[in-house]
PDB file of N, CA and C in Angstrom:
ATOM      1  N   MET A   1    -191.510 -78.562  28.191  1.00  0.00           N
ATOM      2  CA  MET A   1    -190.737 -79.448  27.329  1.00  0.00           C
ATOM      3  C   MET A   1    -189.320 -78.893  27.224  1.00  0.00           C
ATOM      4  N   TYR A   2    -188.343 -79.756  27.359  1.00  0.00           N
ATOM      5  CA  TYR A   2    -186.937 -79.365  27.323  1.00  0.00           C
ATOM      6  C   TYR A   2    -186.525 -79.029  25.900  1.00  0.00           C
ATOM      7  N   CYS A   3    -185.850 -77.881  25.727  1.00  0.00           N
ATOM      8  CA  CYS A   3    -185.473 -77.431  24.385  1.00  0.00           C
ATOM      9  C   CYS A   3    -183.976 -77.497  24.142  1.00  0.00           C
ATOM     10  N   GLY A   4    -183.245 -78.200  24.954  1.00  0.00           N
ATOM     11  CA  GLY A   4    -181.810 -78.327  24.751  1.00  0.00           C
ATOM     12  C   GLY A   4    -181.500 -79.474  23.814  1.00  0.00           C
ATOM     13  N   ASN A   5    -180.238 -79.853  23.752  1.00  0.00           N
ATOM     14  CA  ASN A   5    -179.831 -80.974  22.905  1.00  0.00           C
ATOM     15  C   ASN A   5    -180.312 -82.271  23.526  1.00  0.00           C
ATOM     16  N   THR A   6    -180.830 -83.147  22.705  1.00  0.00           N
ATOM     17  CA  THR A   6    -181.260 -84.455  23.192  1.00  0.00           C
ATOM     18  C   THR A   6    -180.557 -85.522  22.392  1.00  0.00           C
ATOM     19  N   SER A   7    -180.310 -86.613  23.018  1.00  0.00           N
ATOM     20  CA  SER A   7    -179.631 -87.727  22.360  1.00  0.00           C
ATOM     21  C   SER A   7    -180.656 -88.579  21.638  1.00  0.00           C
ATOM     22  N   GLU A   8    -180.341 -88.964  20.400  1.00  0.00           N
ATOM     23  CA  GLU A   8    -181.232 -89.817  19.622  1.00  0.00           C
ATOM     24  C   GLU A   8    -181.409 -91.176  20.294  1.00  0.00           C
ATOM     25  N   THR A   9    -180.440 -91.547  21.168  1.00  0.00           N
ATOM     26  CA  THR A   9    -180.567 -92.836  21.826  1.00  0.00           C
ATOM     27  C   THR A   9    -181.575 -92.791  22.965  1.00  0.00           C
ATOM     28  N   THR A  10    -181.903 -91.606  23.482  1.00  0.00           N
ATOM     29  CA  THR A  10    -182.843 -91.514  24.585  1.00  0.00           C
ATOM     30  C   THR A  10    -184.247 -91.160  24.131  1.00  0.00           C
ATOM     31  N   MET A  11    -184.412 -90.734  22.891  1.00  0.00           N
ATOM     32  CA  MET A  11    -185.739 -90.410  22.346  1.00  0.00           C
ATOM     33  C   MET A  11    -185.853 -91.047  20.984  1.00  0.00           C
ATOM     34  N   ASN A  12    -187.043 -91.505  20.653  1.00  0.00           N
ATOM     35  CA  ASN A  12    -187.166 -92.007  19.287  1.00  0.00           C
ATOM     36  C   ASN A  12    -187.219 -90.820  18.342  1.00  0.00           C
ATOM     37  N   ARG A  13    -187.054 -91.100  17.074  1.00  0.00           N
ATOM     38  CA  ARG A  13    -186.957 -90.018  16.091  1.00  0.00           C
ATOM     39  C   ARG A  13    -188.188 -89.124  16.081  1.00  0.00           C
ATOM     40  N   ASN A  14    -189.354 -89.702  16.202  1.00  0.00           N
ATOM     41  CA  ASN A  14    -190.565 -88.902  16.130  1.00  0.00           C
ATOM     42  C   ASN A  14    -190.699 -87.963  17.323  1.00  0.00           C
ATOM     43  N   GLU A  15    -190.372 -88.440  18.502  1.00  0.00           N
ATOM     44  CA  GLU A  15    -190.409 -87.580  19.678  1.00  0.00           C
ATOM     45  C   GLU A  15    -189.397 -86.455  19.538  1.00  0.00           C
ATOM     46  N   SER A  16    -188.250 -86.775  18.992  1.00  0.00           N
ATOM     47  CA  SER A  16    -187.216 -85.769  18.789  1.00  0.00           C
ATOM     48  C   SER A  16    -187.689 -84.691  17.812  1.00  0.00           C
ATOM     49  N   LYS A  17    -188.338 -85.116  16.719  1.00  0.00           N
ATOM     50  CA  LYS A  17    -188.850 -84.156  15.750  1.00  0.00           C
ATOM     51  C   LYS A  17    -189.932 -83.286  16.367  1.00  0.00           C
ATOM     52  N   LEU A  18    -190.788 -83.889  17.176  1.00  0.00           N
ATOM     53  CA  LEU A  18    -191.842 -83.130  17.836  1.00  0.00           C
ATOM     54  C   LEU A  18    -191.236 -82.103  18.792  1.00  0.00           C
ATOM     55  N   THR A  19    -190.205 -82.486  19.502  1.00  0.00           N
ATOM     56  CA  THR A  19    -189.534 -81.568  20.417  1.00  0.00           C
ATOM     57  C   THR A  19    -188.911 -80.397  19.660  1.00  0.00           C
ATOM     58  N   ILE A  20    -188.278 -80.698  18.535  1.00  0.00           N
ATOM     59  CA  ILE A  20    -187.670 -79.645  17.718  1.00  0.00           C
ATOM     60  C   ILE A  20    -188.733 -78.679  17.224  1.00  0.00           C
ATOM     61  N   CYS A  21    -189.853 -79.228  16.728  1.00  0.00           N
ATOM     62  CA  CYS A  21    -190.941 -78.361  16.250  1.00  0.00           C
ATOM     63  C   CYS A  21    -191.520 -77.526  17.386  1.00  0.00           C
ATOM     64  N   PHE A  22    -191.708 -78.158  18.537  1.00  0.00           N
ATOM     65  CA  PHE A  22    -192.234 -77.443  19.693  1.00  0.00           C
ATOM     66  C   PHE A  22    -191.319 -76.280  20.072  1.00  0.00           C
ATOM     67  N   CYS A  23    -190.035 -76.541  20.123  1.00  0.00           N
ATOM     68  CA  CYS A  23    -189.069 -75.491  20.470  1.00  0.00           C
ATOM     69  C   CYS A  23    -189.050 -74.389  19.418  1.00  0.00           C
ATOM     70  N   PHE A  24    -189.111 -74.783  18.152  1.00  0.00           N
ATOM     71  CA  PHE A  24    -189.119 -73.806  17.071  1.00  0.00           C
ATOM     72  C   PHE A  24    -190.324 -72.877  17.190  1.00  0.00           C
ATOM     73  N   PHE A  25    -191.490 -73.463  17.398  1.00  0.00           N
ATOM     74  CA  PHE A  25    -192.689 -72.633  17.504  1.00  0.00           C
ATOM     75  C   PHE A  25    -192.721 -71.829  18.795  1.00  0.00           C
ATOM     76  N   ASN A  26    -192.163 -72.358  19.857  1.00  0.00           N
ATOM     77  CA  ASN A  26    -192.041 -71.554  21.078  1.00  0.00           C
ATOM     78  C   ASN A  26    -191.184 -70.326  20.827  1.00  0.00           C
ATOM     79  N   ASN A  27    -190.103 -70.505  20.070  1.00  0.00           N
ATOM     80  CA  ASN A  27    -189.249 -69.366  19.725  1.00  0.00           C
ATOM     81  C   ASN A  27    -189.999 -68.366  18.847  1.00  0.00           C
ATOM     82  N   LEU A  28    -190.809 -68.876  17.920  1.00  0.00           N
ATOM     83  CA  LEU A  28    -191.616 -67.982  17.088  1.00  0.00           C
ATOM     84  C   LEU A  28    -192.587 -67.161  17.936  1.00  0.00           C
ATOM     85  N   VAL A  29    -193.238 -67.835  18.868  1.00  0.00           N
ATOM     86  CA  VAL A  29    -194.194 -67.140  19.730  1.00  0.00           C
ATOM     87  C   VAL A  29    -193.483 -66.049  20.521  1.00  0.00           C
ATOM     88  N   ALA A  30    -192.298 -66.353  21.007  1.00  0.00           N
ATOM     89  CA  ALA A  30    -191.559 -65.373  21.795  1.00  0.00           C
ATOM     90  C   ALA A  30    -191.022 -64.238  20.937  1.00  0.00           C
ATOM     91  N   THR A  31    -190.813 -64.465  19.653  1.00  0.00           N
ATOM     92  CA  THR A  31    -190.146 -63.505  18.792  1.00  0.00           C
ATOM     93  C   THR A  31    -191.092 -62.619  17.999  1.00  0.00           C
ATOM     94  N   PHE A  32    -192.147 -63.184  17.463  1.00  0.00           N
ATOM     95  CA  PHE A  32    -192.974 -62.439  16.522  1.00  0.00           C
ATOM     96  C   PHE A  32    -194.227 -61.852  17.160  1.00  0.00           C
ATOM     97  N   VAL A  33    -194.723 -60.799  16.536  1.00  0.00           N
ATOM     98  CA  VAL A  33    -195.932 -60.116  16.990  1.00  0.00           C
ATOM     99  C   VAL A  33    -197.163 -60.986  16.725  1.00  0.00           C
ATOM    100  N   LEU A  34    -197.089 -61.886  15.789  1.00  0.00           N
ATOM    101  CA  LEU A  34    -198.220 -62.716  15.402  1.00  0.00           C
ATOM    102  C   LEU A  34    -198.381 -63.915  16.344  1.00  0.00           C
ATOM    103  N   GLN A  35    -198.310 -63.648  17.629  1.00  0.00           N
ATOM    104  CA  GLN A  35    -198.347 -64.722  18.615  1.00  0.00           C
ATOM    105  C   GLN A  35    -199.629 -65.551  18.516  1.00  0.00           C
ATOM    106  N   GLU A  36    -200.759 -64.919  18.343  1.00  0.00           N
ATOM    107  CA  GLU A  36    -202.024 -65.643  18.297  1.00  0.00           C
ATOM    108  C   GLU A  36    -202.094 -66.573  17.091  1.00  0.00           C
ATOM    109  N   VAL A  37    -201.581 -66.109  15.952  1.00  0.00           N
ATOM    110  CA  VAL A  37    -201.589 -66.951  14.750  1.00  0.00           C
ATOM    111  C   VAL A  37    -200.733 -68.190  14.976  1.00  0.00           C
ATOM    112  N   VAL A  38    -199.561 -67.994  15.524  1.00  0.00           N
ATOM    113  CA  VAL A  38    -198.652 -69.107  15.763  1.00  0.00           C
ATOM    114  C   VAL A  38    -199.235 -70.040  16.827  1.00  0.00           C
ATOM    115  N   LYS A  39    -199.837 -69.473  17.866  1.00  0.00           N
ATOM    116  CA  LYS A  39    -200.444 -70.302  18.903  1.00  0.00           C
ATOM    117  C   LYS A  39    -201.554 -71.173  18.320  1.00  0.00           C
ATOM    118  N   ASN A  40    -202.324 -70.608  17.397  1.00  0.00           N
ATOM    119  CA  ASN A  40    -203.398 -71.375  16.771  1.00  0.00           C
ATOM    120  C   ASN A  40    -202.852 -72.415  15.796  1.00  0.00           C
ATOM    121  N   LEU A  41    -201.701 -72.139  15.214  1.00  0.00           N
ATOM    122  CA  LEU A  41    -201.091 -73.069  14.279  1.00  0.00           C
ATOM    123  C   LEU A  41    -200.440 -74.258  14.999  1.00  0.00           C
ATOM    124  N   MET A  42    -199.934 -74.015  16.177  1.00  0.00           N
ATOM    125  CA  MET A  42    -199.202 -75.033  16.933  1.00  0.00           C
ATOM    126  C   MET A  42    -200.011 -76.327  17.120  1.00  0.00           C
ATOM    127  N   PRO A  43    -201.255 -76.286  17.573  1.00  0.00           N
ATOM    128  CA  PRO A  43    -202.002 -77.538  17.740  1.00  0.00           C
ATOM    129  C   PRO A  43    -202.190 -78.290  16.417  1.00  0.00           C
ATOM    130  N   LEU A  44    -202.321 -77.557  15.327  1.00  0.00           N
ATOM    131  CA  LEU A  44    -202.458 -78.207  14.026  1.00  0.00           C
ATOM    132  C   LEU A  44    -201.188 -78.960  13.650  1.00  0.00           C
ATOM    133  N   ILE A  45    -200.056 -78.329  13.877  1.00  0.00           N
ATOM    134  CA  ILE A  45    -198.768 -78.959  13.578  1.00  0.00           C
ATOM    135  C   ILE A  45    -198.576 -80.197  14.454  1.00  0.00           C
ATOM    136  N   VAL A  46    -198.911 -80.073  15.729  1.00  0.00           N
ATOM    137  CA  VAL A  46    -198.777 -81.211  16.643  1.00  0.00           C
ATOM    138  C   VAL A  46    -199.679 -82.349  16.177  1.00  0.00           C
ATOM    139  N   ASN A  47    -200.895 -82.009  15.764  1.00  0.00           N
ATOM    140  CA  ASN A  47    -201.824 -83.024  15.267  1.00  0.00           C
ATOM    141  C   ASN A  47    -201.257 -83.737  14.042  1.00  0.00           C
ATOM    142  N   VAL A  48    -200.684 -82.982  13.120  1.00  0.00           N
ATOM    143  CA  VAL A  48    -200.088 -83.579  11.919  1.00  0.00           C
ATOM    144  C   VAL A  48    -198.930 -84.496  12.306  1.00  0.00           C
ATOM    145  N   LEU A  49    -198.087 -84.051  13.223  1.00  0.00           N
ATOM    146  CA  LEU A  49    -196.956 -84.882  13.648  1.00  0.00           C
ATOM    147  C   LEU A  49    -197.436 -86.158  14.336  1.00  0.00           C
ATOM    148  N   GLU A  50    -198.473 -86.044  15.150  1.00  0.00           N
ATOM    149  CA  GLU A  50    -199.017 -87.236  15.804  1.00  0.00           C
ATOM    150  C   GLU A  50    -199.601 -88.197  14.772  1.00  0.00           C
ATOM    151  N   SER A  51    -200.273 -87.653  13.764  1.00  0.00           N
ATOM    152  CA  SER A  51    -200.824 -88.493  12.701  1.00  0.00           C
ATOM    153  C   SER A  51    -199.715 -89.193  11.928  1.00  0.00           C
ATOM    154  N   LEU A  52    -198.639 -88.470  11.650  1.00  0.00           N
ATOM    155  CA  LEU A  52    -197.497 -89.067  10.962  1.00  0.00           C
ATOM    156  C   LEU A  52    -196.870 -90.173  11.807  1.00  0.00           C
ATOM    157  N   ASP A  53    -196.788 -89.934  13.115  1.00  0.00           N
ATOM    158  CA  ASP A  53    -196.238 -90.941  14.012  1.00  0.00           C
ATOM    159  C   ASP A  53    -197.104 -92.201  13.993  1.00  0.00           C
ATOM    160  N   LEU A  54    -198.419 -92.019  14.021  1.00  0.00           N
ATOM    161  CA  LEU A  54    -199.334 -93.153  13.973  1.00  0.00           C
ATOM    162  C   LEU A  54    -199.196 -93.903  12.649  1.00  0.00           C
ATOM    163  N   ALA A  55    -199.121 -93.160  11.557  1.00  0.00           N
ATOM    164  CA  ALA A  55    -198.969 -93.789  10.242  1.00  0.00           C
ATOM    165  C   ALA A  55    -197.650 -94.559  10.161  1.00  0.00           C
ATOM    166  N   TYR A  56    -196.596 -93.993  10.723  1.00  0.00           N
ATOM    167  CA  TYR A  56    -195.288 -94.657  10.728  1.00  0.00           C
ATOM    168  C   TYR A  56    -195.360 -95.961  11.524  1.00  0.00           C
ATOM    169  N   THR A  57    -196.015 -95.912  12.686  1.00  0.00           N
ATOM    170  CA  THR A  57    -196.160 -97.102  13.522  1.00  0.00           C
ATOM    171  C   THR A  57    -196.967 -98.171  12.800  1.00  0.00           C
ATOM    172  N   GLU A  58    -198.060 -97.765  12.169  1.00  0.00           N
ATOM    173  CA  GLU A  58    -198.881 -98.717  11.422  1.00  0.00           C
ATOM    174  C   GLU A  58    -198.096 -99.325  10.262  1.00  0.00           C
ATOM    175  N   THR A  59    -197.293 -98.520   9.593  1.00  0.00           N
ATOM    176  CA  THR A  59    -196.477 -99.021   8.484  1.00  0.00           C
ATOM    177  C   THR A  59    -195.483-100.058   8.981  1.00  0.00           C
ATOM    178  N   GLN A  60    -194.862 -99.787  10.123  1.00  0.00           N
ATOM    179  CA  GLN A  60    -193.919-100.757  10.688  1.00  0.00           C
ATOM    180  C   GLN A  60    -194.623-102.069  11.018  1.00  0.00           C
ATOM    181  N   GLU A  61    -195.820-101.979  11.600  1.00  0.00           N
ATOM    182  CA  GLU A  61    -196.572-103.187  11.941  1.00  0.00           C
ATOM    183  C   GLU A  61    -196.927-103.971  10.677  1.00  0.00           C
ATOM    184  N   LEU A  62    -197.323-103.252   9.633  1.00  0.00           N
ATOM    185  CA  LEU A  62    -197.659-103.924   8.379  1.00  0.00           C
ATOM    186  C   LEU A  62    -196.433-104.564   7.738  1.00  0.00           C
ATOM    187  N   GLU A  63    -195.279-103.916   7.863  1.00  0.00           N
ATOM    188  CA  GLU A  63    -194.053-104.501   7.321  1.00  0.00           C
ATOM    189  C   GLU A  63    -193.698-105.795   8.046  1.00  0.00           C
ATOM    190  N   VAL A  64    -193.888-105.816   9.359  1.00  0.00           N
ATOM    191  CA  VAL A  64    -193.632-107.036  10.133  1.00  0.00           C
ATOM    192  C   VAL A  64    -194.601-108.131   9.692  1.00  0.00           C
ATOM    193  N   GLU A  65    -195.881-107.773   9.542  1.00  0.00           N
ATOM    194  CA  GLU A  65    -196.872-108.748   9.090  1.00  0.00           C
ATOM    195  C   GLU A  65    -196.535-109.275   7.695  1.00  0.00           C
ATOM    196  N   LEU A  66    -196.087-108.385   6.817  1.00  0.00           N
ATOM    197  CA  LEU A  66    -195.697-108.801   5.467  1.00  0.00           C
ATOM    198  C   LEU A  66    -194.550-109.801   5.514  1.00  0.00           C
ATOM    199  N   GLU A  67    -193.560-109.551   6.346  1.00  0.00           N
ATOM    200  CA  GLU A  67    -192.435-110.478   6.469  1.00  0.00           C
ATOM    201  C   GLU A  67    -192.899-111.843   6.958  1.00  0.00           C
ATOM    202  N   LEU A  68    -193.817-111.853   7.927  1.00  0.00           N
ATOM    203  CA  LEU A  68    -194.339-113.121   8.426  1.00  0.00           C
ATOM    204  C   LEU A  68    -195.095-113.864   7.332  1.00  0.00           C
ATOM    205  N   LEU A  69    -195.876-113.128   6.556  1.00  0.00           N
ATOM    206  CA  LEU A  69    -196.615-113.752   5.463  1.00  0.00           C
ATOM    207  C   LEU A  69    -195.680-114.291   4.380  1.00  0.00           C
ATOM    208  N   LYS A  70    -194.595-113.571   4.120  1.00  0.00           N
ATOM    209  CA  LYS A  70    -193.608-114.059   3.152  1.00  0.00           C
ATOM    210  C   LYS A  70    -193.003-115.370   3.626  1.00  0.00           C
ATOM    211  N   GLU A  71    -192.679-115.439   4.927  1.00  0.00           N
ATOM    212  CA  GLU A  71    -192.114-116.669   5.481  1.00  0.00           C
ATOM    213  C   GLU A  71    -193.117-117.807   5.375  1.00  0.00           C
ATOM    214  N   ASP A  72    -194.385-117.523   5.702  1.00  0.00           N
ATOM    215  CA  ASP A  72    -195.436-118.545   5.569  1.00  0.00           C
ATOM    216  C   ASP A  72    -195.546-119.016   4.125  1.00  0.00           C
ATOM    217  N   ASN A  73    -195.492-118.086   3.204  1.00  0.00           N
ATOM    218  CA  ASN A  73    -195.581-118.418   1.781  1.00  0.00           C
ATOM    219  C   ASN A  73    -194.422-119.321   1.361  1.00  0.00           C
ATOM    220  N   GLU A  74    -193.222-118.992   1.811  1.00  0.00           N
ATOM    221  CA  GLU A  74    -192.062-119.816   1.472  1.00  0.00           C
ATOM    222  C   GLU A  74    -192.221-121.239   2.014  1.00  0.00           C
ATOM    223  N   GLN A  75    -192.735-121.352   3.233  1.00  0.00           N
ATOM    224  CA  GLN A  75    -192.953-122.677   3.822  1.00  0.00           C
ATOM    225  C   GLN A  75    -193.992-123.460   3.024  1.00  0.00           C
ATOM    226  N   LEU A  76    -195.052-122.785   2.612  1.00  0.00           N
ATOM    227  CA  LEU A  76    -196.088-123.454   1.819  1.00  0.00           C
ATOM    228  C   LEU A  76    -195.543-123.910   0.471  1.00  0.00           C
ATOM    229  N   VAL A  77    -194.745-123.070  -0.170  1.00  0.00           N
ATOM    230  CA  VAL A  77    -194.146-123.449  -1.456  1.00  0.00           C
ATOM    231  C   VAL A  77    -193.251-124.659  -1.270  1.00  0.00           C
ATOM    232  N   THR A  78    -192.479-124.672  -0.215  1.00  0.00           N
ATOM    233  CA  THR A  78    -191.603-125.814   0.073  1.00  0.00           C
ATOM    234  C   THR A  78    -192.422-127.084   0.276  1.00  0.00           C
ATOM    235  N   GLN A  79    -193.517-126.970   1.009  1.00  0.00           N
ATOM    236  CA  GLN A  79    -194.374-128.137   1.237  1.00  0.00           C
ATOM    237  C   GLN A  79    -195.003-128.628  -0.067  1.00  0.00           C
ATOM    238  N   VAL A  80    -195.437-127.719  -0.914  1.00  0.00           N
ATOM    239  CA  VAL A  80    -196.032-128.093  -2.195  1.00  0.00           C
ATOM    240  C   VAL A  80    -194.994-128.793  -3.069  1.00  0.00           C
ATOM    241  N   VAL A  81    -193.798-128.275  -3.097  1.00  0.00           N
ATOM    242  CA  VAL A  81    -192.723-128.902  -3.891  1.00  0.00           C
ATOM    243  C   VAL A  81    -192.458-130.305  -3.374  1.00  0.00           C
ATOM    244  N   LYS A  82    -192.411-130.484  -2.058  1.00  0.00           N
ATOM    245  CA  LYS A  82    -192.192-131.822  -1.492  1.00  0.00           C
ATOM    246  C   LYS A  82    -193.323-132.755  -1.870  1.00  0.00           C
ATOM    247  N   LEU A  83    -194.562-132.283  -1.817  1.00  0.00           N
ATOM    248  CA  LEU A  83    -195.720-133.108  -2.185  1.00  0.00           C
ATOM    249  C   LEU A  83    -195.674-133.497  -3.656  1.00  0.00           C
ATOM    250  N   LEU A  84    -195.322-132.553  -4.508  1.00  0.00           N
ATOM    251  CA  LEU A  84    -195.225-132.841  -5.932  1.00  0.00           C
ATOM    252  C   LEU A  84    -194.145-133.876  -6.223  1.00  0.00           C
ATOM    253  N   LYS A  85    -193.025-133.794  -5.508  1.00  0.00           N
ATOM    254  CA  LYS A  85    -191.960-134.779  -5.676  1.00  0.00           C
ATOM    255  C   LYS A  85    -192.397-136.140  -5.192  1.00  0.00           C
ATOM    256  N   ALA A  86    -193.198-136.156  -4.148  1.00  0.00           N
ATOM    257  CA  ALA A  86    -193.669-137.434  -3.575  1.00  0.00           C
ATOM    258  C   ALA A  86    -194.635-138.124  -4.515  1.00  0.00           C
ATOM    259  N   PHE A  87    -195.406-137.395  -5.316  1.00  0.00           N
ATOM    260  CA  PHE A  87    -196.371-137.966  -6.237  1.00  0.00           C
ATOM    261  C   PHE A  87    -195.759-138.378  -7.564  1.00  0.00           C
ATOM    262  N   LYS A  88    -194.503-138.047  -7.800  1.00  0.00           N
ATOM    263  CA  LYS A  88    -193.848-138.413  -9.077  1.00  0.00           C
ATOM    264  C   LYS A  88    -193.445-139.831  -9.080  1.00  0.00           C
TER     265      LYS A  88
END
């Protein structure tokens, strides 16, 4: 994995954060005597980041669905108002 500067336009934010964490922990492994502890911690951190990425994606999908439902609701309210006016 490349540990240099990356452009936010070429990577999404989550991939960029994962790259930063990966590079940080690689530096820890290279620097500290507790290499085994850090190596064992790395998969856990990656798992948490992947879970956060999944949750973020699901949240975005739900927000899109909510917007569609709001639009449907507005259309239904408009139709009900028209029907009520027609019955007056």
